[in-house]
Amino acid sequence: MPDTTPRRLNPNKLLLSKWTAAKPQNKEKHFLVTQLIKPELPDAPVEHVELEAIYSHRSFILPWRDLTDTEQWLQGWQ
């Protein structure tokens, strides 16, 4: 039975963390958080991160909370 407990992450510690796509597409399996997207208000929390695919170097921005979904993302390179 898969673990359904929500993964707890600190968005300020995600920079340079490694992730594996649970369902890789276009040979893009391994990703690295390359940037924390700073909110417009200086005291507001980080809401988005930039992920870069190791294989293609394609990057995209997504809400960091999406990384807690084990159906989409696995922590580390697997």
N, C-alpha and C. Protein backbone atom coordinates (compact mmCIF):
# COMPACT_ATOMS: atom_id res chain seq x y z
N MET A 1 0.85 -1.17 0.00
CA MET A 1 0.00 0.00 0.00
C MET A 1 0.90 1.24 0.00
N PRO A 2 0.66 2.21 -0.92
CA PRO A 2 1.51 3.39 -0.99
C PRO A 2 1.32 4.29 0.23
N ASP A 3 2.38 4.99 0.56
CA ASP A 3 2.34 5.92 1.68
C ASP A 3 1.51 7.14 1.27
N THR A 4 0.45 7.43 2.01
CA THR A 4 -0.43 8.53 1.66
C THR A 4 -0.27 9.72 2.61
N THR A 5 0.68 9.64 3.54
CA THR A 5 0.89 10.78 4.43
C THR A 5 1.52 11.91 3.62
N PRO A 6 1.02 13.13 3.82
CA PRO A 6 1.55 14.23 3.02
C PRO A 6 3.02 14.48 3.33
N ARG A 7 3.79 14.73 2.29
CA ARG A 7 5.21 15.02 2.45
C ARG A 7 5.35 16.45 2.94
N ARG A 8 6.16 16.65 3.97
CA ARG A 8 6.36 17.99 4.52
C ARG A 8 7.64 18.57 3.93
N LEU A 9 7.51 19.75 3.34
CA LEU A 9 8.66 20.41 2.73
C LEU A 9 8.75 21.84 3.23
N ASN A 10 9.97 22.32 3.34
CA ASN A 10 10.20 23.72 3.64
C ASN A 10 10.60 24.39 2.33
N PRO A 11 9.78 25.29 1.79
CA PRO A 11 10.08 25.86 0.48
C PRO A 11 11.42 26.60 0.44
N ASN A 12 11.85 27.13 1.57
CA ASN A 12 13.13 27.86 1.59
C ASN A 12 14.34 26.94 1.52
N LYS A 13 14.14 25.65 1.66
CA LYS A 13 15.24 24.68 1.60
C LYS A 13 15.20 23.83 0.32
N LEU A 14 14.36 24.21 -0.63
CA LEU A 14 14.22 23.41 -1.85
C LEU A 14 15.28 23.70 -2.90
N LEU A 15 15.96 24.83 -2.82
CA LEU A 15 16.94 25.20 -3.84
C LEU A 15 17.98 24.10 -4.00
N LEU A 16 18.20 23.69 -5.24
CA LEU A 16 19.14 22.63 -5.64
C LEU A 16 18.73 21.23 -5.17
N SER A 17 17.48 21.07 -4.74
CA SER A 17 17.03 19.72 -4.38
C SER A 17 16.72 18.94 -5.66
N LYS A 18 16.81 17.62 -5.55
CA LYS A 18 16.65 16.73 -6.70
C LYS A 18 15.30 16.03 -6.64
N TRP A 19 14.67 15.88 -7.82
CA TRP A 19 13.35 15.27 -7.91
C TRP A 19 13.28 14.34 -9.11
N THR A 20 12.45 13.30 -8.98
CA THR A 20 12.22 12.35 -10.06
C THR A 20 10.74 12.41 -10.42
N ALA A 21 10.47 12.52 -11.71
CA ALA A 21 9.08 12.50 -12.17
C ALA A 21 8.53 11.09 -12.01
N ALA A 22 7.37 10.97 -11.39
CA ALA A 22 6.76 9.65 -11.19
C ALA A 22 6.33 9.06 -12.53
N LYS A 23 5.97 9.91 -13.48
CA LYS A 23 5.56 9.48 -14.82
C LYS A 23 6.33 10.32 -15.84
N PRO A 24 7.58 9.93 -16.12
CA PRO A 24 8.42 10.74 -17.03
C PRO A 24 7.81 10.88 -18.42
N GLN A 25 8.04 12.05 -19.01
CA GLN A 25 7.62 12.32 -20.38
C GLN A 25 8.81 12.89 -21.15
N ASN A 26 8.91 12.56 -22.41
CA ASN A 26 9.99 13.07 -23.28
C ASN A 26 11.38 12.81 -22.71
N LYS A 27 11.58 11.67 -22.10
CA LYS A 27 12.85 11.27 -21.49
C LYS A 27 13.26 12.17 -20.35
N GLU A 28 12.35 13.02 -19.87
CA GLU A 28 12.65 13.91 -18.75
C GLU A 28 12.21 13.24 -17.46
N LYS A 29 13.16 12.70 -16.75
CA LYS A 29 12.88 11.96 -15.53
C LYS A 29 13.43 12.66 -14.30
N HIS A 30 14.66 13.15 -14.40
CA HIS A 30 15.33 13.78 -13.26
C HIS A 30 15.31 15.30 -13.39
N PHE A 31 15.02 15.95 -12.27
CA PHE A 31 14.89 17.41 -12.24
C PHE A 31 15.64 17.99 -11.05
N LEU A 32 16.00 19.25 -11.18
CA LEU A 32 16.69 19.98 -10.13
C LEU A 32 15.96 21.30 -9.92
N VAL A 33 15.73 21.67 -8.66
CA VAL A 33 15.15 22.98 -8.36
C VAL A 33 16.27 24.00 -8.54
N THR A 34 16.13 24.87 -9.55
CA THR A 34 17.20 25.82 -9.87
C THR A 34 16.94 27.21 -9.32
N GLN A 35 15.70 27.47 -8.91
CA GLN A 35 15.40 28.81 -8.42
C GLN A 35 14.15 28.79 -7.55
N LEU A 36 14.18 29.60 -6.49
CA LEU A 36 12.97 29.87 -5.72
C LEU A 36 12.43 31.18 -6.27
N ILE A 37 11.18 31.18 -6.68
CA ILE A 37 10.58 32.38 -7.26
C ILE A 37 10.10 33.27 -6.11
N LYS A 38 10.73 34.42 -5.98
CA LYS A 38 10.41 35.34 -4.89
C LYS A 38 9.08 36.03 -5.16
N PRO A 39 8.23 36.12 -4.14
CA PRO A 39 6.96 36.83 -4.31
C PRO A 39 7.20 38.34 -4.42
N GLU A 40 6.18 39.05 -4.92
CA GLU A 40 6.32 40.50 -5.08
C GLU A 40 6.48 41.20 -3.74
N LEU A 41 5.75 40.74 -2.74
CA LEU A 41 5.88 41.33 -1.41
C LEU A 41 7.05 40.67 -0.68
N PRO A 42 7.97 41.46 -0.15
CA PRO A 42 9.18 40.89 0.46
C PRO A 42 8.93 39.93 1.63
N ASP A 43 7.86 40.14 2.38
CA ASP A 43 7.59 39.29 3.54
C ASP A 43 6.69 38.11 3.22
N ALA A 44 6.23 38.02 1.99
CA ALA A 44 5.34 36.91 1.60
C ALA A 44 6.15 35.63 1.43
N PRO A 45 5.54 34.48 1.70
CA PRO A 45 6.28 33.21 1.56
C PRO A 45 6.49 32.84 0.08
N VAL A 46 7.49 32.01 -0.14
CA VAL A 46 7.76 31.48 -1.48
C VAL A 46 6.60 30.59 -1.89
N GLU A 47 6.06 30.80 -3.09
CA GLU A 47 4.94 30.00 -3.58
C GLU A 47 5.33 29.11 -4.76
N HIS A 48 6.35 29.53 -5.53
CA HIS A 48 6.71 28.80 -6.75
C HIS A 48 8.21 28.53 -6.80
N VAL A 49 8.55 27.46 -7.54
CA VAL A 49 9.95 27.12 -7.78
C VAL A 49 10.13 26.88 -9.27
N GLU A 50 11.38 26.98 -9.71
CA GLU A 50 11.71 26.64 -11.10
C GLU A 50 12.41 25.29 -11.09
N LEU A 51 11.91 24.37 -11.89
CA LEU A 51 12.52 23.05 -12.05
C LEU A 51 13.17 22.98 -13.41
N GLU A 52 14.34 22.35 -13.46
CA GLU A 52 15.03 22.15 -14.73
C GLU A 52 15.25 20.66 -14.95
N ALA A 53 14.88 20.20 -16.14
CA ALA A 53 15.10 18.80 -16.51
C ALA A 53 16.59 18.60 -16.79
N ILE A 54 17.17 17.57 -16.20
CA ILE A 54 18.60 17.30 -16.37
C ILE A 54 18.89 16.87 -17.81
N TYR A 55 18.00 16.10 -18.41
CA TYR A 55 18.22 15.56 -19.76
C TYR A 55 18.16 16.65 -20.83
N SER A 56 17.11 17.48 -20.80
CA SER A 56 16.89 18.43 -21.88
C SER A 56 17.21 19.88 -21.50
N HIS A 57 17.43 20.14 -20.22
CA HIS A 57 17.65 21.49 -19.70
C HIS A 57 16.44 22.40 -19.86
N ARG A 58 15.28 21.81 -20.16
CA ARG A 58 14.04 22.57 -20.22
C ARG A 58 13.66 22.94 -18.79
N SER A 59 13.21 24.16 -18.59
CA SER A 59 12.81 24.56 -17.25
C SER A 59 11.39 25.09 -17.26
N PHE A 60 10.75 24.99 -16.11
CA PHE A 60 9.40 25.49 -15.96
C PHE A 60 9.16 25.83 -14.50
N ILE A 61 8.14 26.64 -14.29
CA ILE A 61 7.80 27.09 -12.95
C ILE A 61 6.53 26.38 -12.50
N LEU A 62 6.53 25.95 -11.25
CA LEU A 62 5.33 25.33 -10.70
C LEU A 62 5.21 25.67 -9.23
N PRO A 63 4.01 25.57 -8.68
CA PRO A 63 3.85 25.79 -7.24
C PRO A 63 4.64 24.72 -6.48
N TRP A 64 5.42 25.13 -5.49
CA TRP A 64 6.27 24.17 -4.78
C TRP A 64 5.44 23.09 -4.11
N ARG A 65 4.20 23.37 -3.77
CA ARG A 65 3.35 22.37 -3.11
C ARG A 65 3.05 21.18 -4.02
N ASP A 66 3.18 21.37 -5.34
CA ASP A 66 2.99 20.24 -6.27
C ASP A 66 4.01 19.14 -6.00
N LEU A 67 5.17 19.50 -5.47
CA LEU A 67 6.21 18.50 -5.19
C LEU A 67 5.80 17.55 -4.07
N THR A 68 4.79 17.89 -3.30
CA THR A 68 4.34 17.00 -2.22
C THR A 68 3.44 15.89 -2.74
N ASP A 69 3.04 15.95 -4.01
CA ASP A 69 2.17 14.95 -4.62
C ASP A 69 3.01 13.77 -5.11
N THR A 70 2.96 12.66 -4.38
CA THR A 70 3.78 11.49 -4.73
C THR A 70 3.30 10.80 -6.00
N GLU A 71 2.14 11.18 -6.51
CA GLU A 71 1.67 10.65 -7.80
C GLU A 71 2.46 11.29 -8.93
N GLN A 72 3.00 12.49 -8.67
CA GLN A 72 3.73 13.23 -9.71
C GLN A 72 5.24 13.27 -9.48
N TRP A 73 5.65 13.42 -8.20
CA TRP A 73 7.06 13.66 -7.89
C TRP A 73 7.56 12.77 -6.77
N LEU A 74 8.79 12.29 -6.93
CA LEU A 74 9.48 11.51 -5.91
C LEU A 74 10.73 12.29 -5.51
N GLN A 75 10.97 12.39 -4.22
CA GLN A 75 12.12 13.16 -3.75
C GLN A 75 13.42 12.40 -4.03
N GLY A 76 14.42 13.11 -4.52
CA GLY A 76 15.69 12.50 -4.88
C GLY A 76 15.65 11.95 -6.30
N TRP A 77 16.79 11.46 -6.75
CA TRP A 77 16.87 10.84 -8.08
C TRP A 77 16.78 9.34 -7.92
N GLN A 78 15.79 8.75 -8.56
CA GLN A 78 15.53 7.32 -8.41
C GLN A 78 15.51 6.63 -9.75
